[in-house]
Protein backbone atom coordinates (compact mmCIF):
# COMPACT_ATOMS: atom_id res chain seq x y z
CA MET A 1 0.01 0.20 -0.48
CA ASN A 2 1.23 3.47 -1.25
CA LEU A 3 0.07 5.49 1.89
CA LYS A 4 -1.02 9.42 0.65
CA ILE A 5 -2.05 11.13 3.53
CA ARG A 6 1.72 12.49 4.10
CA GLU A 7 1.34 14.34 0.16
CA PHE A 8 -2.92 15.32 0.73
CA ARG A 9 -1.50 16.82 3.71
CA ASP A 10 1.44 18.38 2.80
CA MET A 11 -0.98 20.01 -0.37
CA MET A 12 -3.33 21.55 2.24
CA GLY A 13 -0.10 23.32 4.84
CA LEU A 14 -1.05 21.26 7.65
CA THR A 15 1.26 19.91 10.44
CA GLN A 16 0.77 16.74 11.40
CA LYS A 17 -0.86 17.54 14.91
CA GLU A 18 -2.90 19.81 13.03
CA PHE A 19 -3.75 17.34 10.72
CA ALA A 20 -5.08 15.06 13.54
CA ARG A 21 -7.02 17.40 14.75
CA GLU A 22 -9.29 18.45 11.89
CA ILE A 23 -9.53 14.13 11.66
CA LYS A 24 -9.81 13.73 15.71
CA LYS A 25 -7.30 11.40 15.84
CA SER A 26 -3.58 11.45 17.82
CA ILE A 27 -0.40 12.96 16.48
CA GLY A 28 0.96 9.36 16.62
CA THR A 29 -2.00 7.87 14.89
CA VAL A 30 -1.16 9.52 11.64
CA GLN A 31 2.23 9.54 12.20
CA SER A 32 1.78 5.82 12.53
CA TRP A 33 -0.06 5.47 9.25
CA GLU A 34 2.79 8.10 7.58
CA GLY A 35 5.30 6.09 8.53
CA GLY A 36 3.96 2.24 7.24
CA VAL A 37 3.54 0.90 11.22
CA SER A 38 0.18 0.69 10.70
CA TYR A 39 -2.80 1.01 8.58
CA PRO A 40 -6.03 3.25 8.62
CA ASN A 41 -8.66 1.38 9.29
CA ALA A 42 -12.33 2.04 6.79
CA GLU A 43 -13.54 4.97 9.32
CA ALA A 44 -11.05 7.01 9.53
CA ILE A 45 -9.76 6.09 5.86
CA CYS A 46 -13.59 7.49 4.98
CA VAL A 47 -13.13 10.05 6.69
CA MET A 48 -9.91 11.18 5.38
CA CYS A 49 -11.45 11.16 1.60
CA GLU A 50 -13.76 13.23 2.57
CA PHE A 51 -11.61 15.86 3.86
CA PHE A 52 -9.36 16.10 1.89
CA GLY A 53 -12.24 15.77 -1.50
CA VAL A 54 -10.11 12.19 -2.89
CA ASP A 55 -11.60 8.39 -3.98
CA PRO A 56 -9.83 6.32 -1.46
CA ASN A 57 -8.50 4.19 -4.55
CA THR A 58 -6.12 7.95 -4.72
CA LEU A 59 -5.51 8.28 -0.87
CA LEU A 60 -4.37 4.59 -0.67
CA GLY A 61 -2.54 4.63 -4.02
CA TRP A 62 -3.65 2.08 -5.12
CA TYR A 63 -2.29 2.79 -8.74
CA ASP A 64 -1.08 6.05 -10.25
CA GLU A 65 -3.57 6.70 -13.05
CA HIS A 66 -6.76 7.11 -11.93
CA PRO A 67 -8.77 5.23 -14.67
CA GLU A 68 -10.88 8.56 -14.69
CA ASP A 69 -8.18 11.07 -15.82
CA ALA A 70 -6.88 8.11 -18.30
CA THR A 71 -6.64 10.59 -21.46
CA HIS A 72 -5.95 7.52 -23.44
CA GLY A 73 -6.34 8.03 -27.24
CA LEU A 74 -6.98 12.19 -26.61
CA SER A 75 -5.10 14.97 -28.78
CA LYS A 76 -3.04 17.20 -26.38
CA ASP A 77 -6.31 20.02 -26.75
CA GLU A 78 -8.17 17.69 -25.28
CA SER A 79 -7.01 15.67 -23.20
CA ILE A 80 -6.11 19.53 -21.48
CA LEU A 81 -9.02 20.66 -22.20
CA LEU A 82 -10.42 18.02 -20.04
CA SER A 83 -8.20 18.38 -17.59
CA ASP A 84 -8.56 22.11 -16.79
CA TYR A 85 -12.56 21.33 -16.90
CA ARG A 86 -12.24 18.09 -13.92
CA GLU A 87 -9.97 21.24 -11.94
CA CYS A 88 -13.74 23.20 -12.13
CA THR A 89 -16.45 23.44 -9.69
CA PRO A 90 -19.60 22.32 -10.63
CA SER A 91 -20.97 24.86 -11.01
CA ARG A 92 -18.37 25.83 -13.87
CA LYS A 93 -18.56 22.61 -14.95
CA SER A 94 -22.24 23.16 -15.56
CA LYS A 95 -20.81 26.61 -17.93
CA ALA A 96 -17.76 24.29 -19.08
CA ALA A 97 -20.24 21.76 -20.80
CA GLU A 98 -22.90 24.59 -22.33
CA ALA A 99 -20.32 26.98 -23.92
CA VAL A 100 -19.38 23.27 -25.67
CA ARG A 101 -22.83 21.47 -26.35
CA ASP A 102 -23.73 25.54 -28.08
CA GLN A 103 -19.48 25.63 -29.94
CA ARG A 104 -20.41 21.81 -31.05
CA ASP A 105 -23.84 23.08 -31.94
CA LEU A 106 -23.12 26.23 -34.63
CA SER A 107 -20.38 23.15 -35.64
CA LYS A 108 -22.98 20.85 -37.04
CA GLU A 109 -25.03 24.76 -38.00
CA HIS A 110 -21.92 25.23 -40.14
CA ALA A 111 -20.69 21.97 -41.43
CA ALA A 112 -24.26 21.31 -42.60
CA ALA A 113 -24.41 24.57 -44.65
CA SER A 114 -20.25 24.77 -46.00
CA PRO A 115 -22.11 22.34 -48.80
CA GLN A 116 -24.92 24.27 -49.69
CA ARG A 117 -22.62 27.24 -50.18
CA GLU A 118 -20.56 25.42 -52.44
CA ALA A 119 -23.19 24.07 -54.61
CA GLY A 120 -24.28 27.58 -55.23
CA ALA A 121 -20.90 29.13 -56.11
CA ALA A 122 -21.56 26.28 -58.53
């Protein structure tokens, strides 16, 4: 198991003591988890996942690349767009999705009009 507790705690700028207080555990327990001496139980994992905003697989380090983050077969621009989208708040994601649908619809309209323009020019 490759626990990511310290990594997420560091990203939040918390000391072990501050983090322990936040999740209502002793500093010794947090030190033990981070040192690989012991492992958190299911309840503690759930608490930490909620606190960090991650899923258990990510917290436990069960894979390096999350399947939802996989961008296989996407162009560089598509990968960047997807990555940026995933960093948005839910309301911004909704607005971004709406903008993309609008652009898709405009593209379809333009594509449908293009053969008609070419036929009129001939």
